[in-house]
Amino acid sequence: MNAPVALITGAAKRIGREIALTFARAGWDVGVHYGQSAKQAQQTVEDIRALGSRAIALQADLSSEMQTLGLLDNTYQSFGRLDAVINNASVFEYDTAASFSEANFIRHVNPNLIAPILLARELHRRVPDGQQAVVINLLDQKLYHYNPDFLSYSLTKAALQAATVMLAQALAPKVRVVGVAPGLTLPSHLQDHAAFDRTQALSLTGQSGTSSDVAAAVLFAVNNRSMTGSTILIDGGQHLLGLDRDVSFL
């Protein structure tokens, strides 16, 4: 009952699921947040329990402030504590300057930026004096070499990277805040597997990273108490190549 507890948004599948399983293997109990993927979330919960950790599936629409804040309430009610919030969930829809709209930007900004800030703020309010928790924000390597693709998504991730620094300053010493910026890790909805294999090799190391690489970096950042306000890049050096388009189109 004394195991540390992590709340991971978007933990039903893809990178979020790998992070959840990695934490469970390290002895953490896990709140598995999902939006619409109830079946996948329950499978992740069952897989975590099979590893010997406690887990619960928690549904919330991260575009709703009330539902977002309810995630922390439900996590505390289920586990009695919360040691880490991993802001993994995000909306990733294609647009450019030519197709940019207020409606599409708002679809991105609420879950990608506002929800992570709300969760960090509320976690800070609940951390007892003399104790420390941590927030990890999943970012993107493209923040280190911009291109015009995915404008709304990129803007919200850029703002979240700035928030990572500002929250680290504002919430210290009770809450550390760290960014993890993956490169191309899994096929996007714009790629088939052949295109994914080709573009993932576009890195200095020949591979831009795997889900397990990202999950290991998140766990490292959570465990390293000296880290706050900084970002770890997990992209095989992809951000150094100076690509003019998003890797989904190469």
Protein backbone atom coordinates (compact mmCIF):
# COMPACT_ATOMS: atom_id res chain seq x y z
CA MET A 1 0.00 0.00 0.00
CA ASN A 2 3.05 2.27 0.21
CA ALA A 3 3.98 2.05 -3.46
CA PRO A 4 4.36 5.38 -5.27
CA VAL A 5 1.48 6.35 -7.55
CA ALA A 6 1.57 7.84 -11.05
CA LEU A 7 -1.33 9.32 -13.00
CA ILE A 8 -0.63 8.93 -16.73
CA THR A 9 -2.87 10.68 -19.23
CA GLY A 10 -3.56 8.89 -22.49
CA ALA A 11 -2.29 5.64 -20.99
CA ALA A 12 -4.63 3.23 -22.79
CA LYS A 13 -2.40 2.71 -25.81
CA ARG A 14 0.72 3.70 -27.73
CA ILE A 15 3.43 5.56 -25.75
CA GLY A 16 1.18 6.13 -22.75
CA ARG A 17 0.59 2.40 -22.34
CA GLU A 18 4.33 1.70 -22.51
CA ILE A 19 4.98 4.34 -19.85
CA ALA A 20 2.29 2.80 -17.63
CA LEU A 21 3.76 -0.70 -17.96
CA THR A 22 7.30 0.58 -17.37
CA PHE A 23 6.20 2.26 -14.15
CA ALA A 24 4.38 -0.87 -13.03
CA ARG A 25 7.52 -2.96 -13.59
CA ALA A 26 9.38 -0.45 -11.41
CA GLY A 27 6.90 -0.99 -8.56
CA TRP A 28 4.53 1.94 -9.14
CA ASP A 29 0.76 1.88 -8.92
CA VAL A 30 -0.87 3.58 -11.89
CA GLY A 31 -3.93 5.64 -12.70
CA VAL A 32 -4.63 4.86 -16.37
CA HIS A 33 -6.40 7.85 -17.88
CA TYR A 34 -8.28 7.47 -21.16
CA GLY A 35 -10.62 9.57 -23.24
CA GLN A 36 -12.54 7.18 -25.48
CA SER A 37 -10.41 4.02 -25.52
CA ALA A 38 -12.17 2.19 -22.67
CA LYS A 39 -11.40 -1.33 -23.87
CA GLN A 40 -7.70 -0.60 -24.36
CA ALA A 41 -7.53 1.17 -20.98
CA GLN A 42 -9.00 -1.85 -19.21
CA GLN A 43 -6.49 -4.11 -20.95
CA THR A 44 -3.67 -1.87 -19.75
CA VAL A 45 -5.08 -2.02 -16.22
CA GLU A 46 -5.21 -5.81 -16.35
CA ASP A 47 -1.64 -5.99 -17.66
CA ILE A 48 -0.43 -3.73 -14.84
CA ARG A 49 -2.18 -5.86 -12.24
CA ALA A 50 -0.56 -8.96 -13.73
CA LEU A 51 2.78 -7.31 -12.97
CA GLY A 52 1.80 -7.04 -9.30
CA SER A 53 0.89 -3.36 -9.14
CA ARG A 54 -2.44 -1.70 -8.50
CA ALA A 55 -4.17 0.12 -11.35
CA ILE A 56 -7.46 1.76 -12.17
CA ALA A 57 -8.90 3.13 -15.42
CA LEU A 58 -9.97 6.77 -15.19
CA GLN A 59 -12.05 8.37 -17.94
CA ALA A 60 -11.94 12.11 -18.52
CA ASP A 61 -12.35 14.60 -21.34
CA LEU A 62 -9.25 16.78 -21.05
CA SER A 63 -11.01 19.63 -22.86
CA SER A 64 -13.17 19.97 -19.71
CA GLU A 65 -11.60 21.68 -16.71
CA MET A 66 -14.02 19.93 -14.34
CA GLN A 67 -13.24 16.48 -15.70
CA THR A 68 -9.51 17.19 -15.77
CA LEU A 69 -9.46 18.20 -12.11
CA GLY A 70 -11.64 15.20 -11.30
CA LEU A 71 -8.78 12.96 -12.40
CA LEU A 72 -6.75 14.01 -9.38
CA ASP A 73 -9.72 13.56 -7.05
CA ASN A 74 -10.34 10.05 -8.38
CA THR A 75 -6.66 9.13 -8.17
CA TYR A 76 -6.39 10.22 -4.54
CA GLN A 77 -9.63 8.44 -3.68
CA SER A 78 -8.38 5.23 -5.30
CA PHE A 79 -4.80 5.19 -4.03
CA GLY A 80 -4.58 7.67 -1.16
CA ARG A 81 -1.58 9.46 -2.65
CA LEU A 82 -0.13 10.80 -5.90
CA ASP A 83 3.58 11.13 -6.59
CA ALA A 84 3.80 11.80 -10.33
CA VAL A 85 1.62 13.17 -13.12
CA ILE A 86 2.69 12.21 -16.64
CA ASN A 87 1.04 14.53 -19.19
CA ASN A 88 1.18 12.24 -22.20
CA ALA A 89 -2.22 12.71 -23.88
CA SER A 90 -2.44 15.15 -26.76
CA VAL A 91 -4.45 16.02 -29.84
CA PHE A 92 -2.43 15.72 -33.05
CA GLU A 93 -4.34 16.92 -36.10
CA TYR A 94 -2.83 18.31 -39.27
CA ASP A 95 -3.04 21.99 -40.15
CA THR A 96 -0.86 24.74 -41.59
CA ALA A 97 -1.03 28.51 -41.67
CA ALA A 98 -3.30 28.23 -44.70
CA SER A 99 -5.83 25.99 -42.93
CA PHE A 100 -5.47 27.35 -39.39
CA SER A 101 -8.74 28.03 -37.58
CA GLU A 102 -9.73 29.09 -34.09
CA ALA A 103 -11.87 25.98 -33.64
CA ASN A 104 -9.02 23.60 -34.49
CA PHE A 105 -6.58 25.49 -32.30
CA ILE A 106 -8.96 25.29 -29.34
CA ARG A 107 -9.30 21.53 -29.91
CA HIS A 108 -5.54 21.34 -29.39
CA VAL A 109 -4.97 23.93 -26.70
CA ASN A 110 -7.29 22.52 -24.04
CA PRO A 111 -5.89 18.97 -23.78
CA ASN A 112 -2.34 19.78 -24.91
CA LEU A 113 -1.69 22.83 -22.74
CA ILE A 114 -4.43 23.83 -20.34
CA ALA A 115 -5.04 20.36 -18.89
CA PRO A 116 -1.33 19.76 -18.08
CA ILE A 117 -1.08 23.13 -16.33
CA LEU A 118 -4.24 22.48 -14.31
CA LEU A 119 -2.99 19.07 -13.24
CA ALA A 120 0.38 20.51 -12.20
CA ARG A 121 -1.28 23.29 -10.23
CA GLU A 122 -3.63 20.97 -8.40
CA LEU A 123 -0.89 18.45 -7.65
CA HIS A 124 1.14 21.24 -6.06
CA ARG A 125 -1.79 22.22 -3.85
CA ARG A 126 -2.07 18.67 -2.52
CA VAL A 127 1.59 17.85 -1.86
CA PRO A 128 2.17 17.90 1.91
CA ASP A 129 4.83 20.20 3.34
CA GLY A 130 8.22 18.55 3.30
CA GLN A 131 7.34 16.18 0.45
CA GLN A 132 7.91 16.38 -3.30
CA ALA A 133 6.09 15.20 -6.41
CA VAL A 134 6.91 15.47 -10.10
CA VAL A 135 5.19 16.38 -13.37
CA ILE A 136 6.50 15.12 -16.71
CA ASN A 137 5.29 16.86 -19.86
CA LEU A 138 5.59 14.95 -23.13
CA LEU A 139 6.80 17.40 -25.78
CA ASP A 140 8.22 16.90 -29.30
CA GLN A 141 11.66 17.06 -30.91
CA LYS A 142 10.26 19.38 -33.59
CA LEU A 143 10.39 22.19 -31.02
CA TYR A 144 14.15 22.25 -31.64
CA HIS A 145 13.81 22.70 -35.40
CA TYR A 146 10.47 24.09 -36.48
CA ASN A 147 8.69 23.32 -39.74
CA PRO A 148 5.30 24.60 -40.97
CA ASP A 149 3.42 21.31 -40.52
CA PHE A 150 0.96 20.66 -37.67
CA LEU A 151 0.78 24.34 -36.74
CA SER A 152 -1.79 24.14 -33.93
CA TYR A 153 -0.18 21.07 -32.38
CA SER A 154 3.29 22.65 -32.55
CA LEU A 155 2.10 25.90 -31.01
CA THR A 156 0.56 24.12 -28.04
CA LYS A 157 3.65 21.99 -27.51
CA ALA A 158 5.86 25.08 -27.69
CA ALA A 159 3.71 26.74 -25.05
CA LEU A 160 3.85 23.60 -22.89
CA GLN A 161 7.64 23.64 -23.12
CA ALA A 162 7.64 27.24 -21.88
CA ALA A 163 5.19 26.24 -19.15
CA THR A 164 7.55 23.45 -18.11
CA VAL A 165 10.19 26.05 -17.22
CA MET A 166 7.76 28.51 -15.63
CA LEU A 167 5.97 25.83 -13.57
CA ALA A 168 9.31 24.45 -12.40
CA GLN A 169 10.08 27.89 -11.03
CA ALA A 170 6.62 28.54 -9.58
CA LEU A 171 5.97 25.15 -7.98
CA ALA A 172 9.39 24.44 -6.45
CA PRO A 173 10.33 22.83 -4.16
CA LYS A 174 7.14 20.75 -3.79
CA VAL A 175 6.82 19.86 -7.47
CA ARG A 176 9.52 19.26 -10.06
CA VAL A 177 8.54 19.72 -13.73
CA VAL A 178 10.46 18.07 -16.56
CA GLY A 179 9.90 17.76 -20.31
CA VAL A 180 10.54 14.67 -22.42
CA ALA A 181 10.64 15.30 -26.18
CA PRO A 182 10.43 12.18 -28.37
CA GLY A 183 11.13 11.97 -32.06
CA LEU A 184 9.15 9.76 -34.39
CA THR A 185 8.36 6.77 -32.18
CA LEU A 186 5.28 5.04 -33.62
CA PRO A 187 3.52 5.27 -36.99
CA SER A 188 1.18 8.24 -37.22
CA HIS A 189 -2.23 8.14 -38.86
CA LEU A 190 -0.52 9.57 -41.96
CA GLN A 191 1.95 6.72 -42.41
CA ASP A 192 2.02 3.07 -43.31
CA HIS A 193 4.66 0.83 -41.75
CA ALA A 194 7.03 1.11 -44.72
CA ALA A 195 6.98 4.92 -44.51
CA PHE A 196 7.45 4.74 -40.75
CA ASP A 197 10.49 2.48 -41.03
CA ARG A 198 12.01 4.81 -43.63
CA THR A 199 11.48 8.01 -41.66
CA GLN A 200 12.43 6.58 -38.28
CA ALA A 201 15.86 5.86 -39.74
CA LEU A 202 16.27 9.60 -40.43
CA SER A 203 18.37 10.28 -37.35
CA LEU A 204 22.01 10.44 -36.40
CA THR A 205 21.83 7.04 -34.71
CA GLY A 206 19.73 5.34 -37.39
CA GLN A 207 16.69 5.12 -35.13
CA SER A 208 14.74 8.02 -33.66
CA GLY A 209 13.64 6.06 -30.58
CA THR A 210 11.13 3.50 -29.39
CA SER A 211 8.25 3.64 -26.94
CA SER A 212 10.41 1.84 -24.40
CA ASP A 213 13.14 4.47 -24.86
CA VAL A 214 10.64 7.22 -24.12
CA ALA A 215 9.19 5.38 -21.13
CA ALA A 216 12.67 4.79 -19.71
CA ALA A 217 13.44 8.51 -20.02
CA VAL A 218 10.21 9.42 -18.23
CA LEU A 219 11.00 7.04 -15.37
CA PHE A 220 14.56 8.40 -15.19
CA ALA A 221 13.28 11.97 -14.94
CA VAL A 222 10.81 11.00 -12.23
CA ASN A 223 13.51 9.29 -10.17
CA ASN A 224 16.22 11.94 -10.65
CA ARG A 225 15.46 14.48 -7.93
CA SER A 226 17.97 17.00 -9.30
CA MET A 227 16.03 17.52 -12.54
CA THR A 228 13.51 20.32 -13.00
CA GLY A 229 12.79 22.88 -15.71
CA SER A 230 14.74 20.96 -18.35
CA THR A 231 13.82 18.77 -21.32
CA ILE A 232 15.26 15.42 -22.39
CA LEU A 233 15.32 14.71 -26.13
CA ILE A 234 14.71 11.07 -27.12
CA ASP A 235 15.05 11.22 -30.89
CA GLY A 236 18.40 9.77 -31.94
CA GLY A 237 19.52 13.28 -32.87
CA GLN A 238 16.65 13.76 -35.31
CA HIS A 239 16.28 17.41 -34.26
CA LEU A 240 19.81 18.10 -35.55
CA LEU A 241 19.06 17.15 -39.16
CA GLY A 242 17.32 20.38 -40.15
CA LEU A 243 14.34 18.73 -41.84
CA ASP A 244 12.05 21.14 -43.68
CA ARG A 245 8.88 19.05 -43.27
CA ASP A 246 7.42 17.01 -40.48
CA VAL A 247 8.88 13.51 -40.56
CA SER A 248 5.40 12.12 -41.32
CA PHE A 249 5.77 13.49 -44.86
CA LEU A 250 9.32 12.40 -45.65
